[in-house]
Amino acid sequence: MEEVKLSIIKKAIDEKKAEDIEVIDVTGHNPFYDFVVIATIGNSRQANAIVDEISKNLALIKEEVNHIEGDTSSSDWILIDCNGIIVHLFTLQERLRINLEELLKKNLKRF
């Protein structure tokens, strides 16, 4: 089921024109989620559209967004908890500053 959810989430992000979508498989390294999806957004309107699209499409398979962290009207970083898949939407500047991909990949190598 996680692969189906992941496909739906990636498609929703892509359809709303986010850039540089990256999926990191953390299966077996974290008890709370198996995948981390990271994408770059241009603005808050795009973030809202992505959150809405993910929510709408997950509902079609009787899944839901568990929690959204960050203000979709003004934040540079939005976290969407999709029950087993965590989505991070960053503005370009924030994504470069945080460099979450590098941090996750380094931690995966340690285990």
C-alpha atoms as a PDB file:
ATOM      1  CA  MET A   1       0.000   0.000   0.000  1.00  0.00           C
ATOM      2  CA  GLU A   2       2.903   2.379   0.681  1.00  0.00           C
ATOM      3  CA  GLU A   3       4.017   2.148  -2.948  1.00  0.00           C
ATOM      4  CA  VAL A   4       0.510   3.109  -4.129  1.00  0.00           C
ATOM      5  CA  LYS A   5       0.416   6.065  -1.729  1.00  0.00           C
ATOM      6  CA  LEU A   6       3.892   7.099  -2.792  1.00  0.00           C
ATOM      7  CA  SER A   7       2.874   7.041  -6.443  1.00  0.00           C
ATOM      8  CA  ILE A   8      -0.208   9.160  -5.719  1.00  0.00           C
ATOM      9  CA  ILE A   9       1.814  11.669  -3.712  1.00  0.00           C
ATOM     10  CA  LYS A  10       4.561  11.996  -6.337  1.00  0.00           C
ATOM     11  CA  LYS A  11       1.990  12.427  -9.099  1.00  0.00           C
ATOM     12  CA  ALA A  12       0.140  15.132  -7.146  1.00  0.00           C
ATOM     13  CA  ILE A  13       3.369  17.022  -6.494  1.00  0.00           C
ATOM     14  CA  ASP A  14       4.441  16.719 -10.128  1.00  0.00           C
ATOM     15  CA  GLU A  15       1.050  17.787 -11.495  1.00  0.00           C
ATOM     16  CA  LYS A  16       1.203  20.953  -9.417  1.00  0.00           C
ATOM     17  CA  LYS A  17       4.594  21.737 -10.943  1.00  0.00           C
ATOM     18  CA  ALA A  18       6.873  21.400  -7.929  1.00  0.00           C
ATOM     19  CA  GLU A  19      10.492  20.900  -8.933  1.00  0.00           C
ATOM     20  CA  ASP A  20      13.341  18.557  -8.034  1.00  0.00           C
ATOM     21  CA  ILE A  21      11.167  15.866  -6.480  1.00  0.00           C
ATOM     22  CA  GLU A  22      13.303  13.415  -4.544  1.00  0.00           C
ATOM     23  CA  VAL A  23      12.191  10.254  -2.763  1.00  0.00           C
ATOM     24  CA  ILE A  24      14.355   8.759  -0.031  1.00  0.00           C
ATOM     25  CA  ASP A  25      13.573   5.233   1.129  1.00  0.00           C
ATOM     26  CA  VAL A  26      14.132   4.978   4.880  1.00  0.00           C
ATOM     27  CA  THR A  27      12.358   1.639   5.292  1.00  0.00           C
ATOM     28  CA  GLY A  28      13.747  -0.162   8.330  1.00  0.00           C
ATOM     29  CA  HIS A  29      15.544   2.933   9.606  1.00  0.00           C
ATOM     30  CA  ASN A  30      12.567   4.710  11.127  1.00  0.00           C
ATOM     31  CA  PRO A  31       9.603   3.193  12.975  1.00  0.00           C
ATOM     32  CA  PHE A  32       7.208   5.968  11.926  1.00  0.00           C
ATOM     33  CA  TYR A  33       7.615   6.266   8.156  1.00  0.00           C
ATOM     34  CA  ASP A  34       9.148   4.440   5.185  1.00  0.00           C
ATOM     35  CA  PHE A  35       9.613   7.231   2.657  1.00  0.00           C
ATOM     36  CA  VAL A  36      10.555  10.891   2.679  1.00  0.00           C
ATOM     37  CA  VAL A  37       9.543  12.987  -0.315  1.00  0.00           C
ATOM     38  CA  ILE A  38      11.210  16.354  -0.818  1.00  0.00           C
ATOM     39  CA  ALA A  39      10.218  18.931  -3.426  1.00  0.00           C
ATOM     40  CA  THR A  40      10.841  22.575  -4.223  1.00  0.00           C
ATOM     41  CA  ILE A  41       7.919  24.975  -4.416  1.00  0.00           C
ATOM     42  CA  GLY A  42       7.795  28.491  -5.784  1.00  0.00           C
ATOM     43  CA  ASN A  43       5.249  30.055  -3.447  1.00  0.00           C
ATOM     44  CA  SER A  44       2.494  29.513  -0.884  1.00  0.00           C
ATOM     45  CA  ARG A  45      -0.227  29.215  -3.522  1.00  0.00           C
ATOM     46  CA  GLN A  46       1.614  26.233  -4.986  1.00  0.00           C
ATOM     47  CA  ALA A  47       2.035  24.721  -1.497  1.00  0.00           C
ATOM     48  CA  ASN A  48      -1.710  24.982  -0.897  1.00  0.00           C
ATOM     49  CA  ALA A  49      -2.473  23.401  -4.256  1.00  0.00           C
ATOM     50  CA  ILE A  50      -0.132  20.481  -3.529  1.00  0.00           C
ATOM     51  CA  VAL A  51      -1.570  19.886  -0.050  1.00  0.00           C
ATOM     52  CA  ASP A  52      -5.101  19.935  -1.478  1.00  0.00           C
ATOM     53  CA  GLU A  53      -4.182  17.605  -4.352  1.00  0.00           C
ATOM     54  CA  ILE A  54      -2.469  15.107  -2.069  1.00  0.00           C
ATOM     55  CA  SER A  55      -5.416  15.135   0.354  1.00  0.00           C
ATOM     56  CA  LYS A  56      -7.979  14.735  -2.428  1.00  0.00           C
ATOM     57  CA  ASN A  57      -6.129  11.904  -4.161  1.00  0.00           C
ATOM     58  CA  LEU A  58      -5.362   9.972  -0.971  1.00  0.00           C
ATOM     59  CA  ALA A  59      -9.051  10.150  -0.042  1.00  0.00           C
ATOM     60  CA  LEU A  60      -9.816   8.248  -3.247  1.00  0.00           C
ATOM     61  CA  ILE A  61      -8.005   5.227  -1.798  1.00  0.00           C
ATOM     62  CA  LYS A  62      -9.474   5.765   1.678  1.00  0.00           C
ATOM     63  CA  GLU A  63      -6.251   7.235   3.076  1.00  0.00           C
ATOM     64  CA  GLU A  64      -5.784  10.642   4.617  1.00  0.00           C
ATOM     65  CA  VAL A  65      -3.223  13.230   5.549  1.00  0.00           C
ATOM     66  CA  ASN A  66      -2.488  12.794   9.234  1.00  0.00           C
ATOM     67  CA  HIS A  67      -1.031  16.248   9.935  1.00  0.00           C
ATOM     68  CA  ILE A  68       0.335  19.331   8.214  1.00  0.00           C
ATOM     69  CA  GLU A  69       3.071  21.344   9.872  1.00  0.00           C
ATOM     70  CA  GLY A  70       3.794  24.885   8.751  1.00  0.00           C
ATOM     71  CA  ASP A  71       1.594  27.707   7.549  1.00  0.00           C
ATOM     72  CA  THR A  72       0.725  27.018   3.915  1.00  0.00           C
ATOM     73  CA  SER A  73      -0.017  30.702   3.413  1.00  0.00           C
ATOM     74  CA  SER A  74       3.433  31.968   4.352  1.00  0.00           C
ATOM     75  CA  SER A  75       5.934  29.265   5.325  1.00  0.00           C
ATOM     76  CA  ASP A  76       9.099  28.371   3.429  1.00  0.00           C
ATOM     77  CA  TRP A  77       8.848  24.772   4.666  1.00  0.00           C
ATOM     78  CA  ILE A  78       5.702  22.645   4.829  1.00  0.00           C
ATOM     79  CA  LEU A  79       5.698  19.125   6.258  1.00  0.00           C
ATOM     80  CA  ILE A  80       2.867  16.776   5.338  1.00  0.00           C
ATOM     81  CA  ASP A  81       2.496  13.569   7.355  1.00  0.00           C
ATOM     82  CA  CYS A  82       0.796  11.015   5.115  1.00  0.00           C
ATOM     83  CA  ASN A  83       0.902   8.098   7.569  1.00  0.00           C
ATOM     84  CA  GLY A  84       4.058   6.281   6.563  1.00  0.00           C
ATOM     85  CA  ILE A  85       5.246   8.884   4.073  1.00  0.00           C
ATOM     86  CA  ILE A  86       6.552  12.300   5.062  1.00  0.00           C
ATOM     87  CA  VAL A  87       6.472  15.077   2.475  1.00  0.00           C
ATOM     88  CA  HIS A  88       8.637  18.187   2.771  1.00  0.00           C
ATOM     89  CA  LEU A  89       7.847  21.146   0.530  1.00  0.00           C
ATOM     90  CA  PHE A  90      10.564  23.792   0.545  1.00  0.00           C
ATOM     91  CA  THR A  91      11.111  27.070  -1.213  1.00  0.00           C
ATOM     92  CA  LEU A  92      14.425  26.886  -3.070  1.00  0.00           C
ATOM     93  CA  GLN A  93      16.267  29.091  -0.582  1.00  0.00           C
ATOM     94  CA  GLU A  94      15.018  27.062   2.388  1.00  0.00           C
ATOM     95  CA  ARG A  95      15.795  23.754   0.715  1.00  0.00           C
ATOM     96  CA  LEU A  96      19.358  24.838   0.078  1.00  0.00           C
ATOM     97  CA  ARG A  97      19.717  26.152   3.634  1.00  0.00           C
ATOM     98  CA  ILE A  98      18.341  23.022   5.352  1.00  0.00           C
ATOM     99  CA  ASN A  99      19.843  20.465   2.913  1.00  0.00           C
ATOM    100  CA  LEU A 100      17.622  17.727   4.324  1.00  0.00           C
ATOM    101  CA  GLU A 101      18.529  15.233   1.595  1.00  0.00           C
ATOM    102  CA  GLU A 102      22.165  15.258   2.615  1.00  0.00           C
ATOM    103  CA  LEU A 103      21.323  14.878   6.287  1.00  0.00           C
ATOM    104  CA  LEU A 104      19.019  11.910   5.637  1.00  0.00           C
ATOM    105  CA  LYS A 105      21.480  10.185   3.332  1.00  0.00           C
ATOM    106  CA  LYS A 106      24.328  10.575   5.836  1.00  0.00           C
ATOM    107  CA  ASN A 107      22.189   9.087   8.583  1.00  0.00           C
ATOM    108  CA  LEU A 108      21.172   6.162   6.377  1.00  0.00           C
ATOM    109  CA  LYS A 109      24.836   5.346   5.718  1.00  0.00           C
ATOM    110  CA  ARG A 110      25.518   5.142   9.455  1.00  0.00           C
ATOM    111  CA  PHE A 111      23.138   2.218   9.909  1.00  0.00           C
END
